[in-house]
Amino acid sequence: MERYYSYSRFIKEYFGEKLYKICIDGGFTCPNRDGTLATGGCIFCSEGGSGEFTENASLSVSEQIHLGKSQTSRKYQGEHYIAYFQAFTNTYAPVDRLRALYEEAITAPEIVALSIGTRPDCITPEILDLLEELNKRKPVFIEMGLQTSHDSTASFLNRAYPTKTFTKTCHALAEAGIRVTAHIILGLPGETLDMELDTIRYLNTLPVSGIKISMLYVLKNTVLASYYEQHPFHILTMEEYINHLIICLSQLRKDIVIERMTGDGPKDLLIVPKWIGHKRLVLNTIHKEMKQRNFTQGGSLCQKNL
């Protein structure tokens, strides 16, 4: 029994085959890093801008695709891939530069879709037109970092845009026929389970197609690391996180694809919690707990707490 709408199921339904993502570094930055909106970036974001697993930005897009294929050849025998622009804000550049990067990616015959990680305040009408144009040639998937629907928490995170901006951009992308995935974080300082459920209920009202959920973790050389050292706050245990996750998913619309249920930051940078480094154990425990609770995505609120 499949208890939730998994990403692997979506990919097979949408493309008819299993696919592998090749992470690409387009050499971007963010408006809340370069001083346009703020400096320092989101307080949890690493120096690599969540792109520690991308290829070398000094290489061209084509070279990064070739390298990504060779590095995954042992565990993936398929012929097709998704080009994933991951590090920093991947629409934060002039349209001409974006067109050149995206065109180089989708021109490769083995690339069947384009996935772009970005911020909702970095999609201008001109960029939206470009994305809509490319989406008619090969599917374009947009991932946007929301983290929370609560502006007070977002201010603490230095997200540097109001939630209403996410709402507006999400609708604009959906109207252009572009699939949207929202990133959220559980266990944020000051947030309760009820506040996390507010974020889930907010997403349920939007034309969101997918969700990526991560546990808050603290990495070295981040603003959050300095804050945690000076003001230690509670970090969810694995049991607490799984409990929050399952309850949140039980309130999520059934048609929203669960693209990620846990995060796994680079082990050499990870400060806390150490348990996220055991990804297979975490996922197996999540699935075991779902079975024990008779969980289904979008079902009634689970009553059993860990």
Protein backbone atom coordinates (compact mmCIF):
# COMPACT_ATOMS: atom_id res chain seq x y z
CA MET A 1 0.00 0.00 0.00
CA GLU A 2 1.41 3.38 -1.01
CA ARG A 3 0.56 5.74 1.81
CA TYR A 4 1.61 8.95 0.11
CA TYR A 5 2.16 10.37 -3.38
CA SER A 6 5.85 9.64 -3.82
CA TYR A 7 8.20 11.44 -6.18
CA SER A 8 9.26 8.18 -7.82
CA ARG A 9 5.62 7.41 -8.62
CA PHE A 10 5.11 10.90 -10.08
CA ILE A 11 8.20 10.62 -12.29
CA LYS A 12 7.11 7.24 -13.68
CA GLU A 13 3.58 8.54 -14.30
CA TYR A 14 4.80 11.76 -15.93
CA PHE A 15 7.73 10.46 -17.99
CA GLY A 16 7.05 6.74 -18.16
CA GLU A 17 10.47 5.86 -16.75
CA LYS A 18 12.80 6.38 -13.83
CA LEU A 19 14.95 9.51 -14.10
CA TYR A 20 18.03 10.87 -12.36
CA LYS A 21 18.73 14.51 -11.54
CA ILE A 22 22.01 16.12 -12.52
CA CYS A 23 22.71 19.08 -10.24
CA ILE A 24 24.09 22.13 -12.04
CA ASP A 25 25.75 25.24 -10.62
CA GLY A 26 24.97 28.23 -12.80
CA GLY A 27 27.18 30.61 -10.84
CA PHE A 28 24.32 32.53 -9.21
CA THR A 29 24.00 34.39 -5.92
CA CYS A 30 20.93 35.70 -4.02
CA PRO A 31 19.43 39.16 -3.48
CA ASN A 32 19.58 38.64 0.28
CA ARG A 33 23.29 37.89 0.03
CA ASP A 34 24.58 40.58 -2.32
CA GLY A 35 22.97 43.50 -0.48
CA THR A 36 20.05 44.06 -2.85
CA LEU A 37 17.61 43.02 -0.11
CA ALA A 38 19.92 41.92 2.69
CA THR A 39 23.28 40.32 3.35
CA GLY A 40 24.25 36.94 4.74
CA GLY A 41 21.46 35.00 3.06
CA CYS A 42 18.92 32.88 4.91
CA ILE A 43 20.49 32.12 8.29
CA PHE A 44 20.46 28.34 7.76
CA CYS A 45 21.99 28.48 4.28
CA SER A 46 25.55 27.28 3.83
CA GLU A 47 28.33 28.99 1.95
CA GLY A 48 27.45 26.78 -1.01
CA GLY A 49 23.87 28.03 -1.10
CA SER A 50 22.38 24.54 -0.70
CA GLY A 51 24.44 23.48 -3.68
CA GLU A 52 27.07 21.31 -2.05
CA PHE A 53 26.09 18.45 -4.33
CA THR A 54 26.26 20.45 -7.56
CA GLU A 55 29.04 20.18 -10.10
CA ASN A 56 31.89 22.67 -10.54
CA ALA A 57 30.54 26.14 -11.47
CA SER A 58 33.71 26.81 -13.48
CA LEU A 59 32.52 24.21 -16.00
CA SER A 60 29.96 24.93 -18.70
CA VAL A 61 26.45 23.53 -18.36
CA SER A 62 27.23 20.91 -21.01
CA GLU A 63 30.41 19.89 -19.20
CA GLN A 64 28.54 19.62 -15.90
CA ILE A 65 25.91 17.40 -17.54
CA HIS A 66 28.62 15.14 -18.97
CA LEU A 67 30.36 14.96 -15.58
CA GLY A 68 27.09 14.25 -13.79
CA LYS A 69 26.30 11.39 -16.15
CA SER A 70 29.70 9.79 -15.64
CA GLN A 71 29.47 10.12 -11.85
CA THR A 72 26.05 8.43 -11.72
CA SER A 73 26.72 5.70 -14.26
CA ARG A 74 27.32 3.03 -11.60
CA LYS A 75 23.93 3.48 -9.91
CA TYR A 76 21.78 4.69 -12.81
CA GLN A 77 21.61 2.86 -16.11
CA GLY A 78 18.90 4.97 -17.73
CA GLU A 79 19.35 7.26 -20.70
CA HIS A 80 17.42 10.36 -19.57
CA TYR A 81 17.95 12.99 -16.90
CA ILE A 82 16.53 16.13 -15.31
CA ALA A 83 18.86 19.16 -15.30
CA TYR A 84 18.58 20.68 -11.82
CA PHE A 85 19.84 24.23 -11.28
CA GLN A 86 20.18 24.05 -7.51
CA ALA A 87 22.75 26.37 -5.90
CA PHE A 88 21.53 29.78 -4.69
CA THR A 89 18.78 31.62 -6.67
CA ASN A 90 18.72 30.30 -10.21
CA THR A 91 16.54 32.99 -11.80
CA TYR A 92 18.54 35.87 -10.31
CA ALA A 93 20.17 37.15 -13.50
CA PRO A 94 19.30 39.02 -16.71
CA VAL A 95 16.95 37.14 -19.01
CA ASP A 96 19.57 36.78 -21.74
CA ARG A 97 21.95 34.99 -19.39
CA LEU A 98 19.18 32.73 -18.09
CA ARG A 99 18.11 31.85 -21.62
CA ALA A 100 21.66 30.87 -22.56
CA LEU A 101 22.06 28.62 -19.50
CA TYR A 102 18.66 26.97 -19.75
CA GLU A 103 18.92 26.52 -23.54
CA GLU A 104 22.28 24.82 -23.16
CA ALA A 105 20.73 22.39 -20.68
CA ILE A 106 17.58 21.44 -22.57
CA THR A 107 19.37 21.21 -25.92
CA ALA A 108 21.09 18.05 -24.69
CA PRO A 109 18.94 15.16 -25.98
CA GLU A 110 19.34 13.19 -22.75
CA ILE A 111 17.83 16.05 -20.71
CA VAL A 112 14.04 15.64 -20.66
CA ALA A 113 13.13 18.31 -18.11
CA LEU A 114 14.47 21.42 -16.42
CA SER A 115 14.22 21.92 -12.65
CA ILE A 116 15.07 25.36 -11.23
CA GLY A 117 15.48 26.32 -7.59
CA THR A 118 14.69 29.96 -6.89
CA ARG A 119 12.90 32.60 -4.81
CA PRO A 120 9.39 33.88 -5.62
CA ASP A 121 10.61 37.49 -5.68
CA CYS A 122 13.12 36.65 -8.41
CA ILE A 123 10.66 35.73 -11.15
CA THR A 124 9.90 38.85 -13.15
CA PRO A 125 7.26 38.98 -15.93
CA GLU A 126 10.08 38.67 -18.48
CA ILE A 127 11.52 35.62 -16.75
CA LEU A 128 8.05 34.11 -16.46
CA ASP A 129 7.63 34.53 -20.24
CA LEU A 130 10.95 32.73 -20.78
CA LEU A 131 9.97 29.87 -18.48
CA GLU A 132 6.58 29.54 -20.19
CA GLU A 133 8.29 29.44 -23.60
CA LEU A 134 10.78 26.76 -22.55
CA ASN A 135 8.04 24.74 -20.85
CA LYS A 136 6.42 24.24 -24.25
CA ARG A 137 9.58 22.48 -25.44
CA LYS A 138 10.50 20.47 -22.35
CA PRO A 139 8.85 20.45 -18.90
CA VAL A 140 10.03 23.19 -16.56
CA PHE A 141 9.68 22.60 -12.82
CA ILE A 142 10.16 25.49 -10.40
CA GLU A 143 11.19 24.94 -6.77
CA MET A 144 10.72 27.86 -4.38
CA GLY A 145 11.93 28.17 -0.81
CA LEU A 146 9.01 29.03 1.46
CA GLN A 147 10.24 27.39 4.70
CA THR A 148 7.24 28.76 6.65
CA SER A 149 4.02 30.67 6.02
CA HIS A 150 4.64 32.79 9.14
CA ASP A 151 6.23 36.13 8.28
CA SER A 152 7.52 36.56 11.83
CA THR A 153 9.59 33.37 11.53
CA ALA A 154 10.60 34.27 7.99
CA SER A 155 11.96 37.58 9.25
CA PHE A 156 14.09 35.74 11.80
CA LEU A 157 15.36 33.48 9.00
CA ASN A 158 16.28 36.52 6.88
CA ARG A 159 14.13 35.15 4.06
CA ALA A 160 13.68 38.77 2.93
CA TYR A 161 10.30 38.46 1.22
CA PRO A 162 6.70 38.35 2.58
CA THR A 163 4.55 35.24 2.24
CA LYS A 164 2.13 37.10 -0.02
CA THR A 165 4.91 37.20 -2.63
CA PHE A 166 5.03 33.40 -2.63
CA THR A 167 1.25 33.34 -3.09
CA LYS A 168 1.33 35.71 -6.06
CA THR A 169 4.23 33.98 -7.83
CA CYS A 170 2.82 30.51 -7.27
CA HIS A 171 -0.44 31.50 -8.98
CA ALA A 172 1.43 33.20 -11.84
CA LEU A 173 3.55 30.10 -12.49
CA ALA A 174 0.55 27.79 -12.34
CA GLU A 175 -1.35 29.99 -14.79
CA ALA A 176 1.63 29.67 -17.14
CA GLY A 177 1.37 25.88 -16.88
CA ILE A 178 4.53 25.49 -14.82
CA ARG A 179 4.71 22.97 -12.00
CA VAL A 180 5.63 24.44 -8.58
CA THR A 181 7.33 22.71 -5.65
CA ALA A 182 7.48 24.38 -2.22
CA HIS A 183 10.34 23.86 0.23
CA ILE A 184 9.44 23.92 3.94
CA ILE A 185 11.38 23.27 7.15
CA LEU A 186 10.08 21.64 10.32
CA GLY A 187 11.58 22.42 13.70
CA LEU A 188 12.26 26.11 13.11
CA PRO A 189 13.10 28.09 16.29
CA GLY A 190 9.92 29.32 17.96
CA GLU A 191 7.57 27.33 15.77
CA THR A 192 5.13 24.80 17.20
CA LEU A 193 3.46 21.86 15.48
CA ASP A 194 0.32 24.01 15.11
CA MET A 195 2.37 26.66 13.30
CA GLU A 196 3.80 24.01 10.98
CA LEU A 197 0.26 22.85 10.27
CA ASP A 198 -0.61 26.46 9.38
CA THR A 199 2.04 26.25 6.65
CA ILE A 200 0.56 22.97 5.38
CA ARG A 201 -2.94 24.46 5.32
CA TYR A 202 -1.59 27.52 3.49
CA LEU A 203 -0.02 25.32 0.80
CA ASN A 204 -3.27 23.39 0.45
CA THR A 205 -4.91 26.62 -0.79
CA LEU A 206 -2.33 27.16 -3.54
CA PRO A 207 -1.76 25.53 -6.96
CA VAL A 208 1.30 23.73 -5.56
CA SER A 209 2.19 20.45 -7.24
CA GLY A 210 5.00 19.22 -4.97
CA ILE A 211 6.58 19.70 -1.57
CA LYS A 212 10.05 19.16 -0.16
CA ILE A 213 10.21 18.87 3.62
CA SER A 214 13.38 19.10 5.65
CA MET A 215 14.34 18.98 9.28
CA LEU A 216 16.09 22.12 10.51
CA TYR A 217 19.78 21.35 10.82
CA VAL A 218 22.70 23.58 11.75
CA LEU A 219 25.74 23.74 9.50
CA LYS A 220 29.16 25.18 10.25
CA ASN A 221 29.94 28.69 9.00
CA THR A 222 26.31 29.82 8.91
CA VAL A 223 24.53 32.62 10.74
CA LEU A 224 22.36 29.96 12.36
CA ALA A 225 25.47 28.24 13.75
CA SER A 226 26.54 31.46 15.48
CA TYR A 227 23.01 31.99 16.81
CA TYR A 228 22.79 28.41 18.06
CA GLU A 229 26.09 28.77 19.89
CA GLN A 230 24.97 31.97 21.61
CA HIS A 231 21.29 31.07 22.09
CA PRO A 232 20.89 27.27 22.18
CA PHE A 233 17.38 26.23 21.15
CA HIS A 234 15.63 22.88 21.05
CA ILE A 235 16.46 20.73 18.04
CA LEU A 236 13.86 18.08 17.28
CA THR A 237 14.85 14.52 18.03
CA MET A 238 14.32 11.97 15.27
CA GLU A 239 11.19 10.73 17.06
CA GLU A 240 9.80 14.26 17.39
CA TYR A 241 10.56 15.09 13.78
CA ILE A 242 8.85 11.95 12.48
CA ASN A 243 5.82 12.71 14.62
CA HIS A 244 5.60 16.27 13.25
CA LEU A 245 6.18 15.05 9.70
CA ILE A 246 3.48 12.39 9.75
CA ILE A 247 0.90 14.71 11.30
CA CYS A 248 1.71 17.41 8.75
CA LEU A 249 1.46 14.97 5.83
CA SER A 250 -1.84 13.68 7.14
CA GLN A 251 -3.20 17.20 6.57
CA LEU A 252 -1.64 17.68 3.11
CA ARG A 253 -3.71 17.50 -0.08
CA LYS A 254 -3.53 14.07 -1.66
CA ASP A 255 -2.50 15.40 -5.08
CA ILE A 256 0.68 17.11 -3.83
CA VAL A 257 3.77 15.04 -4.59
CA ILE A 258 6.07 14.37 -1.61
CA GLU A 259 9.46 15.01 -3.18
CA ARG A 260 11.49 14.91 0.04
CA MET A 261 10.73 13.92 3.63
CA THR A 262 14.05 14.57 5.30
CA GLY A 263 17.22 16.56 4.74
CA ASP A 264 20.81 15.39 4.84
CA GLY A 265 23.33 18.21 4.96
CA PRO A 266 27.03 17.55 4.27
CA LYS A 267 28.40 15.49 7.15
CA ASP A 268 31.62 17.50 7.32
CA LEU A 269 29.59 20.68 7.94
CA LEU A 270 26.85 19.26 10.16
CA ILE A 271 26.73 20.44 13.78
CA VAL A 272 23.29 19.18 14.87
CA PRO A 273 21.29 16.99 14.76
CA LYS A 274 23.63 14.11 14.02
CA TRP A 275 20.77 11.69 13.39
CA ILE A 276 19.98 13.20 9.97
CA GLY A 277 23.24 11.70 8.75
CA HIS A 278 21.58 8.27 8.89
CA LYS A 279 19.15 8.92 6.04
CA ARG A 280 18.24 5.29 5.34
CA LEU A 281 17.44 4.70 9.03
CA VAL A 282 15.31 7.86 9.14
CA LEU A 283 13.33 6.92 6.03
CA ASN A 284 12.83 3.32 7.18
CA THR A 285 11.58 4.56 10.55
CA ILE A 286 9.19 7.00 8.86
CA HIS A 287 7.71 4.22 6.72
CA LYS A 288 7.46 1.88 9.73
CA GLU A 289 5.67 4.52 11.76
CA MET A 290 3.30 5.29 8.90
CA LYS A 291 2.32 1.65 8.75
CA GLN A 292 1.83 1.41 12.52
CA ARG A 293 -0.40 4.50 12.50
CA ASN A 294 -2.26 3.35 9.38
CA PHE A 295 -1.27 6.69 7.89
CA THR A 296 -2.42 8.02 4.53
CA GLN A 297 -1.57 11.39 3.05
CA GLY A 298 -4.50 13.76 3.48
CA GLY A 299 -6.20 11.38 5.88
CA SER A 300 -7.57 12.35 9.26
CA LEU A 301 -5.17 13.78 11.85
CA CYS A 302 -3.13 11.02 13.46
CA GLN A 303 -4.01 10.67 17.12
CA LYS A 304 -1.05 8.63 18.24
CA ASN A 305 2.01 10.61 19.27
CA LEU A 306 5.47 9.20 19.66
